[in-house]
Amino acid sequence: MLLLPAMVFSQSERNLLTGKFSKGLLKETLTMDFLRQEFPHYTDRTKWESVNPVYKKKLVTDGEAALDYTWQTIPAQAYLEYVRSGNRRIMEDVYNENIAALKKLAFAELIEGKGRFIPQLINGTWAICEITSWSISAAMNLQKAGAGLPDVEEPVIELGAGITVNAMAWIYYQFHESFNAAGPLVSKRIEQEINRRVLEPYYTRNDFWWMALDGKKRMVNNWNIWLNYNMLTTILLLEKDPQKRVDGVYKTMLSADQFINYYKNDGACEEGPAYWAHAGGMLYNYLSLLGMATGNKISIFDQPLVKNIGSYFANAYIDSSWFLNYADAAAKYTADASLVYLYGKSTGDQPLEQFGAWLAKDQHWDQAVPVETMYGGMRNLFLAPEIMAAPAKQPFTGSAWMPETGIAVARDREGTQKGFYFSALGGHNDESHNHNDVGTTVLFYNGQPVLIDVGSETYTRQTFGPERYSIWTMRSIYHNVPFINGVEQKEGRQYAAKDVSFVNTRSTAKFSLDLSAAYPPTAQVKDWKRTYTLNRGKSFSIADNYELAANENNTVIYFMTSAITRKAGNGSVVLNTGTDQLEMKYDPSALEFTVEDVPIKDSRLLQSWPPVIYRIGFRVLNKGLKGSHLITIRKINN
């Protein structure tokens, strides 16, 4: 779930959808013909029988496991726990288990087609209709009554409701005739609840912040496009009134334009690649569905910005399951192979398309395909033969520069994970899912982490509230930036990088910035120029050149690492990644080395990191107002 908005400006009033395509054109072209071709109906048994027998067997087995599932209610205390302690999981786990069982039953019935799973599907959809709210506890603050128990008189549209209504709409679309055979009130109830809880609020309200339709200048993040995709899906599958249908779809276009307007021209995702599937990737889902619904008369896949949004994902890839993970994104991530493949295919981005095919092979799509969502699952079952036959290749980008977001990427050599990979970040400290990390870096060697961005722990109320920057993973002292005069970086858009540049040549890649403005006045720093230099095939260096207004003799240069760290001698530190040893060289007359264990106990972080990582500190010994120092990392030749 996502950070609530701060007041910022969109990048450009592009309005790529509504500025080019009118409501009149939408009305003329709106059709279900192409959508029915892409997603076969339950009654099209020939199509469903054509699914790979390996997939069919697994899906039916999964569905059989859900035949005895006991549909759960969500106790009042589960909602209230979020207010008491900040714990979201106690409510969300129940919610997720219900939805997961519903999807297993739906896919099993689509595959088998004998009606065996219909009674339990009816039980499940009825149980979902009986739950007071489809929204999660963490989003209850969107209602006028505030956080806590849901107000039945004010349904709110947020990510939980969006996920639920998407599943319910597809199940209604596929099975409502079969449900009617058991009794017409089942399908009628689903329609009533979808209309009451989701469609009517969507049609009549413009004040949900994620819509960005209230005239306020604000952050527009993945909530917008994720929910507009869910609304578009629901309107197409359920809305019977022709005028409401046109008006509703056009409203999704108006709102989706605000998401596109907020994106920077370089296409980078502020929230990191682990969120790309819900941001840029969800834009593909939205645009693809809109294109199908209009016979591709409404399409913007030819726009350079849309292509850049896709290319970012390949540029943020490091190796194996490692991705560049600024902000709250996880360092290790299982990407949506079909989404990557289709995005690349739609925009003519061959490296991205080949990356998607490689991901499918790496995820063993020959044995099973992902069906976590109804839309994605139905797509994957029929896309699998094409994607498994497509050319597959990892996108080991040689260099990339995203100047508006301030992200630089470079490798020793394009096309291979061998050697150094580094990235550096400029930007500001009020981005979506922000960490106070202006000027940080990420460094890998031979596909293994050396200097890391830790990421964020399991989300709680504190993650997206006023206590956010009391959490250690959000603070600059746990990123690869200086702690100046005992002061760390501050959150806020005004705390930003200055004079950012990236120069890439055949032999070197150099990123530099002045990060002094990322610190509050109490840091007493006039200028702090940091330069990262990749000397291809040789070394990686971090150089600082600074001027202070006062020197409190309390400045430390911090680095986070998952490599086992030991001091090897005067001016030498060894970093052991498990496959390679690297030496970190420094001047002991200028810097004093320390290292401390940082235990990792959070389950989300343990998916990326070992139980102990390390924080390296170099205390600056210079007592003057001006100074410089250099740290160099190179491979130790065994």
Foldseek 3Di string as FASTA:
>chain_A
DFFDKDFDFFQFLPLLFPVVDPLVLCLVQFDCVLVCVLFPALVPLVVLQPFDPLALVVLLVLLVVLLPPDQDAADLVQLCVQVVPQDQCSRVVSLLVLLQNLLSLLSNCSNPVPCPSVVVNLVSLVSVLPHLAQDGQLPQCLDPVGGGDHDSQDADDWDSNLQVLLSLLVCLLRCQVVVVVVPNVSSVSSLVSCCRRPLVCLLPDDPPVQLVRPPGRMDHFLRLLSNLLSQLSNLSRHPDDSVSSSSSNVSSSSSVSSLLRRADQQLAHLQFLQCLCSRLLSNCSSQVSSCSRRVNPRHDLQPSSNLSNLVNNLLQDQDDQAGAGAFQRARGHLDQLVSQLVSCVSNVNVLSNQQSLQSCVSVPVVNYHDPSGVVSNSNCSVCVVVSPPDHHARFQDQWDARPVQAKIWHALDGRASAAKIKMWGFAAQNTISGALAHTFMWMDHRRFGFFDLLHDFDGGSCCNDPNNQVGVSRWHLQTQFKCALVWTFDHDRQQGWAPWDWDDDNQKIKTKIWRPSRTDCVSQWDTWMWMWMDGRPWWIKIKIWTFGNAHNQFMKGKTKGLFDWDADDQQWIWGHRPVFIKIKGWHNVFWDKDKDWDADDGPSSVVRHPRIIMMIITRGPDRDRTDMIMIMMGTDDD
